[in-house]
Amino acid sequence: MTSQGTARGDSGGRSSADTFRPAEMAAREMGQVSLIDALALVACYARSEIPKFDRAAVRWLERLGAERDASLRDTRLAAAALEALQTKHHDLAEKMLLRSLS
């Protein structure tokens, strides 16, 4: 599962559940997912507009702080970008978050 893979699949008329369930199954099969793959799942939740998004976004932000020793400024910017995933600026926000991980 990558940011361009299953988690971000085009809905193409499918229900939102059809969009995120394969991504969830892939994450479960992988066990511990990377921060990038976890972001792909969070982005999928945002696109699907499901309630799991908020909780997953907070958990991702916690992982960012723990795994990357993120500064307060970086954490604040990441939180704003996570919120933007639920807007028309989704793609830009996701790119910003991905760049912050490289």
N, C-alpha and C. Protein backbone atom coordinates (compact mmCIF):
# COMPACT_ATOMS: atom_id res chain seq x y z
N MET A 1 0.85 -1.17 0.00
CA MET A 1 0.00 0.00 0.00
C MET A 1 0.89 1.22 0.00
N THR A 2 0.72 2.08 -0.98
CA THR A 2 1.49 3.31 -1.05
C THR A 2 0.54 4.47 -1.17
N SER A 3 1.09 5.68 -1.15
CA SER A 3 0.22 6.85 -1.28
C SER A 3 -0.46 6.89 -2.64
N GLN A 4 0.10 6.21 -3.63
CA GLN A 4 -0.54 6.16 -4.93
C GLN A 4 -1.28 4.85 -5.15
N GLY A 5 -1.23 3.96 -4.19
CA GLY A 5 -1.79 2.63 -4.34
C GLY A 5 -3.20 2.51 -3.83
N THR A 6 -3.47 1.40 -3.24
CA THR A 6 -4.81 1.02 -2.82
C THR A 6 -5.49 2.08 -1.97
N ALA A 7 -4.78 2.68 -1.06
CA ALA A 7 -5.42 3.59 -0.13
C ALA A 7 -5.99 4.82 -0.80
N ARG A 8 -5.47 5.18 -1.96
CA ARG A 8 -5.97 6.38 -2.62
C ARG A 8 -6.75 6.04 -3.87
N GLY A 9 -7.17 4.82 -4.00
CA GLY A 9 -7.84 4.40 -5.21
C GLY A 9 -9.01 5.30 -5.58
N ASP A 10 -9.20 5.53 -6.87
CA ASP A 10 -10.30 6.34 -7.37
C ASP A 10 -11.61 5.62 -7.09
N SER A 11 -12.58 6.33 -6.54
CA SER A 11 -13.83 5.67 -6.16
C SER A 11 -14.62 5.19 -7.37
N GLY A 12 -14.55 5.86 -8.49
CA GLY A 12 -15.16 5.39 -9.72
C GLY A 12 -16.57 4.86 -9.56
N GLY A 13 -17.40 5.51 -8.74
CA GLY A 13 -18.76 5.11 -8.54
C GLY A 13 -18.97 4.12 -7.41
N ARG A 14 -17.89 3.69 -6.79
CA ARG A 14 -18.02 2.76 -5.67
C ARG A 14 -18.42 3.52 -4.41
N SER A 15 -18.97 2.80 -3.44
CA SER A 15 -19.31 3.43 -2.17
C SER A 15 -18.03 3.75 -1.42
N SER A 16 -18.12 4.64 -0.42
CA SER A 16 -16.93 5.01 0.35
C SER A 16 -16.36 3.80 1.08
N ALA A 17 -17.20 2.87 1.50
CA ALA A 17 -16.70 1.67 2.17
C ALA A 17 -15.84 0.84 1.22
N ASP A 18 -16.22 0.78 -0.05
CA ASP A 18 -15.44 0.04 -1.03
C ASP A 18 -14.08 0.68 -1.25
N THR A 19 -13.95 1.96 -0.96
CA THR A 19 -12.69 2.66 -1.16
C THR A 19 -11.71 2.39 -0.05
N PHE A 20 -12.15 2.40 1.21
CA PHE A 20 -11.20 2.29 2.30
C PHE A 20 -11.03 0.87 2.85
N ARG A 21 -11.97 -0.01 2.65
CA ARG A 21 -11.85 -1.36 3.22
C ARG A 21 -10.64 -2.13 2.68
N PRO A 22 -10.38 -2.10 1.37
CA PRO A 22 -9.17 -2.80 0.90
C PRO A 22 -7.90 -2.23 1.51
N ALA A 23 -7.87 -0.92 1.72
CA ALA A 23 -6.70 -0.29 2.33
C ALA A 23 -6.54 -0.73 3.77
N GLU A 24 -7.64 -0.82 4.50
CA GLU A 24 -7.58 -1.30 5.88
C GLU A 24 -7.09 -2.74 5.94
N MET A 25 -7.60 -3.57 5.05
CA MET A 25 -7.19 -4.97 5.04
C MET A 25 -5.70 -5.09 4.74
N ALA A 26 -5.21 -4.29 3.81
CA ALA A 26 -3.78 -4.33 3.48
C ALA A 26 -2.95 -3.90 4.68
N ALA A 27 -3.41 -2.88 5.40
CA ALA A 27 -2.68 -2.41 6.59
C ALA A 27 -2.65 -3.49 7.66
N ARG A 28 -3.75 -4.18 7.85
CA ARG A 28 -3.79 -5.26 8.85
C ARG A 28 -2.83 -6.39 8.48
N GLU A 29 -2.79 -6.72 7.19
CA GLU A 29 -1.91 -7.79 6.74
C GLU A 29 -0.44 -7.42 6.93
N MET A 30 -0.12 -6.14 6.78
CA MET A 30 1.26 -5.69 6.92
C MET A 30 1.69 -5.63 8.38
N GLY A 31 0.73 -5.61 9.30
CA GLY A 31 1.07 -5.47 10.72
C GLY A 31 1.40 -4.02 11.01
N GLN A 32 2.65 -3.75 11.35
CA GLN A 32 3.09 -2.38 11.60
C GLN A 32 3.29 -1.67 10.26
N VAL A 33 2.53 -0.64 10.00
CA VAL A 33 2.65 0.09 8.74
C VAL A 33 3.58 1.29 8.94
N SER A 34 4.22 1.68 7.86
CA SER A 34 5.11 2.84 7.91
C SER A 34 4.27 4.10 8.09
N LEU A 35 4.94 5.17 8.43
CA LEU A 35 4.27 6.46 8.59
C LEU A 35 3.65 6.91 7.27
N ILE A 36 4.33 6.64 6.18
CA ILE A 36 3.81 7.01 4.85
C ILE A 36 2.56 6.20 4.52
N ASP A 37 2.60 4.90 4.78
CA ASP A 37 1.42 4.08 4.51
C ASP A 37 0.26 4.44 5.42
N ALA A 38 0.56 4.78 6.66
CA ALA A 38 -0.49 5.22 7.58
C ALA A 38 -1.12 6.52 7.08
N LEU A 39 -0.30 7.40 6.53
CA LEU A 39 -0.82 8.65 5.97
C LEU A 39 -1.74 8.36 4.78
N ALA A 40 -1.37 7.39 3.97
CA ALA A 40 -2.22 7.02 2.83
C ALA A 40 -3.59 6.56 3.31
N LEU A 41 -3.63 5.83 4.40
CA LEU A 41 -4.90 5.37 4.95
C LEU A 41 -5.71 6.54 5.51
N VAL A 42 -5.04 7.45 6.21
CA VAL A 42 -5.71 8.65 6.73
C VAL A 42 -6.29 9.46 5.57
N ALA A 43 -5.53 9.61 4.51
CA ALA A 43 -6.00 10.36 3.34
C ALA A 43 -7.21 9.67 2.71
N CYS A 44 -7.19 8.35 2.70
CA CYS A 44 -8.33 7.59 2.17
C CYS A 44 -9.57 7.83 3.01
N TYR A 45 -9.40 7.84 4.33
CA TYR A 45 -10.53 8.14 5.22
C TYR A 45 -11.08 9.54 4.94
N ALA A 46 -10.19 10.49 4.71
CA ALA A 46 -10.64 11.86 4.44
C ALA A 46 -11.44 11.91 3.14
N ARG A 47 -10.94 11.25 2.11
CA ARG A 47 -11.65 11.23 0.83
C ARG A 47 -13.01 10.55 0.96
N SER A 48 -13.08 9.53 1.79
CA SER A 48 -14.32 8.77 1.96
C SER A 48 -15.30 9.46 2.90
N GLU A 49 -14.83 10.50 3.59
CA GLU A 49 -15.65 11.25 4.53
C GLU A 49 -16.30 10.35 5.58
N ILE A 50 -15.48 9.51 6.20
CA ILE A 50 -16.00 8.63 7.23
C ILE A 50 -15.51 9.09 8.60
N PRO A 51 -16.23 8.73 9.64
CA PRO A 51 -15.89 9.18 11.00
C PRO A 51 -14.52 8.73 11.49
N LYS A 52 -13.96 7.67 10.94
CA LYS A 52 -12.65 7.19 11.37
C LYS A 52 -11.54 8.20 11.11
N PHE A 53 -11.78 9.16 10.22
CA PHE A 53 -10.73 10.10 9.84
C PHE A 53 -10.14 10.83 11.04
N ASP A 54 -10.96 11.41 11.87
CA ASP A 54 -10.47 12.26 12.96
C ASP A 54 -9.54 11.49 13.90
N ARG A 55 -9.98 10.33 14.31
CA ARG A 55 -9.18 9.52 15.23
C ARG A 55 -7.87 9.06 14.57
N ALA A 56 -7.97 8.64 13.31
CA ALA A 56 -6.77 8.19 12.59
C ALA A 56 -5.79 9.34 12.38
N ALA A 57 -6.30 10.53 12.10
CA ALA A 57 -5.44 11.70 11.90
C ALA A 57 -4.69 12.04 13.18
N VAL A 58 -5.37 11.98 14.31
CA VAL A 58 -4.72 12.27 15.60
C VAL A 58 -3.66 11.22 15.89
N ARG A 59 -3.96 9.97 15.65
CA ARG A 59 -2.97 8.91 15.87
C ARG A 59 -1.76 9.08 14.96
N TRP A 60 -2.00 9.49 13.70
CA TRP A 60 -0.90 9.71 12.78
C TRP A 60 -0.02 10.87 13.27
N LEU A 61 -0.65 11.91 13.75
CA LEU A 61 0.08 13.07 14.27
C LEU A 61 0.93 12.67 15.48
N GLU A 62 0.38 11.82 16.34
CA GLU A 62 1.14 11.32 17.48
C GLU A 62 2.36 10.53 17.02
N ARG A 63 2.17 9.69 16.02
CA ARG A 63 3.29 8.92 15.47
C ARG A 63 4.34 9.82 14.86
N LEU A 64 3.89 10.87 14.17
CA LEU A 64 4.84 11.81 13.58
C LEU A 64 5.73 12.40 14.67
N GLY A 65 5.13 12.84 15.75
CA GLY A 65 5.89 13.41 16.85
C GLY A 65 6.86 12.42 17.47
N ALA A 66 6.41 11.20 17.65
CA ALA A 66 7.24 10.18 18.30
C ALA A 66 8.35 9.65 17.40
N GLU A 67 8.02 9.38 16.14
CA GLU A 67 8.99 8.74 15.25
C GLU A 67 9.94 9.72 14.58
N ARG A 68 9.50 10.94 14.39
CA ARG A 68 10.32 11.92 13.68
C ARG A 68 10.82 13.03 14.59
N ASP A 69 10.50 12.94 15.87
CA ASP A 69 10.91 13.98 16.83
C ASP A 69 10.54 15.36 16.28
N ALA A 70 9.30 15.50 15.86
CA ALA A 70 8.82 16.72 15.21
C ALA A 70 8.78 17.88 16.20
N SER A 71 9.13 19.05 15.70
CA SER A 71 9.06 20.27 16.51
C SER A 71 7.60 20.69 16.65
N LEU A 72 7.36 21.62 17.54
CA LEU A 72 6.01 22.15 17.70
C LEU A 72 5.51 22.77 16.39
N ARG A 73 6.37 23.50 15.72
CA ARG A 73 6.00 24.13 14.44
C ARG A 73 5.64 23.07 13.41
N ASP A 74 6.47 22.03 13.28
CA ASP A 74 6.19 20.97 12.32
C ASP A 74 4.89 20.25 12.65
N THR A 75 4.64 20.04 13.93
CA THR A 75 3.42 19.37 14.36
C THR A 75 2.20 20.24 14.04
N ARG A 76 2.33 21.52 14.28
CA ARG A 76 1.23 22.45 13.99
C ARG A 76 0.93 22.49 12.49
N LEU A 77 1.96 22.53 11.66
CA LEU A 77 1.77 22.53 10.20
C LEU A 77 1.15 21.21 9.73
N ALA A 78 1.61 20.11 10.29
CA ALA A 78 1.05 18.81 9.92
C ALA A 78 -0.41 18.72 10.32
N ALA A 79 -0.76 19.24 11.49
CA ALA A 79 -2.16 19.22 11.93
C ALA A 79 -3.03 20.03 10.98
N ALA A 80 -2.55 21.18 10.55
CA ALA A 80 -3.31 22.00 9.60
C ALA A 80 -3.47 21.28 8.27
N ALA A 81 -2.42 20.61 7.81
CA ALA A 81 -2.51 19.87 6.56
C ALA A 81 -3.46 18.68 6.68
N LEU A 82 -3.46 18.03 7.83
CA LEU A 82 -4.40 16.92 8.05
C LEU A 82 -5.84 17.43 7.96
N GLU A 83 -6.10 18.57 8.56
CA GLU A 83 -7.45 19.15 8.46
C GLU A 83 -7.80 19.47 7.02
N ALA A 84 -6.81 19.95 6.26
CA ALA A 84 -7.05 20.31 4.87
C ALA A 84 -7.34 19.10 3.99
N LEU A 85 -7.01 17.90 4.47
CA LEU A 85 -7.33 16.69 3.71
C LEU A 85 -8.84 16.56 3.49
N GLN A 86 -9.62 17.21 4.32
CA GLN A 86 -11.08 17.11 4.20
C GLN A 86 -11.67 18.27 3.40
N THR A 87 -10.83 18.99 2.68
CA THR A 87 -11.30 20.13 1.89
C THR A 87 -11.01 19.87 0.41
N LYS A 88 -11.34 20.86 -0.39
CA LYS A 88 -11.05 20.76 -1.83
C LYS A 88 -9.55 20.80 -2.10
N HIS A 89 -8.75 21.11 -1.10
CA HIS A 89 -7.29 21.17 -1.23
C HIS A 89 -6.63 19.87 -0.79
N HIS A 90 -7.39 18.79 -0.83
CA HIS A 90 -6.92 17.49 -0.37
C HIS A 90 -5.57 17.10 -0.98
N ASP A 91 -5.47 17.17 -2.30
CA ASP A 91 -4.26 16.72 -2.98
C ASP A 91 -3.04 17.54 -2.56
N LEU A 92 -3.19 18.84 -2.46
CA LEU A 92 -2.10 19.71 -2.04
C LEU A 92 -1.68 19.39 -0.60
N ALA A 93 -2.66 19.18 0.27
CA ALA A 93 -2.36 18.86 1.67
C ALA A 93 -1.62 17.53 1.77
N GLU A 94 -2.05 16.55 1.00
CA GLU A 94 -1.39 15.25 1.04
C GLU A 94 0.05 15.36 0.54
N LYS A 95 0.27 16.12 -0.52
CA LYS A 95 1.63 16.31 -1.02
C LYS A 95 2.51 16.99 0.02
N MET A 96 1.96 17.97 0.71
CA MET A 96 2.73 18.67 1.74
C MET A 96 3.13 17.69 2.85
N LEU A 97 2.18 16.88 3.28
CA LEU A 97 2.47 15.91 4.34
C LEU A 97 3.52 14.89 3.89
N LEU A 98 3.42 14.43 2.66
CA LEU A 98 4.40 13.48 2.14
C LEU A 98 5.79 14.10 2.07
N ARG A 99 5.86 15.36 1.63
CA ARG A 99 7.15 16.05 1.57
C ARG A 99 7.76 16.21 2.96
N SER A 100 6.92 16.40 3.96
CA SER A 100 7.44 16.57 5.32
C SER A 100 8.09 15.29 5.84
N LEU A 101 7.77 14.16 5.22
CA LEU A 101 8.32 12.88 5.66
C LEU A 101 9.62 12.53 4.95
N SER A 102 9.94 13.26 3.89
CA SER A 102 11.17 12.91 3.16
C SER A 102 12.36 13.68 3.62
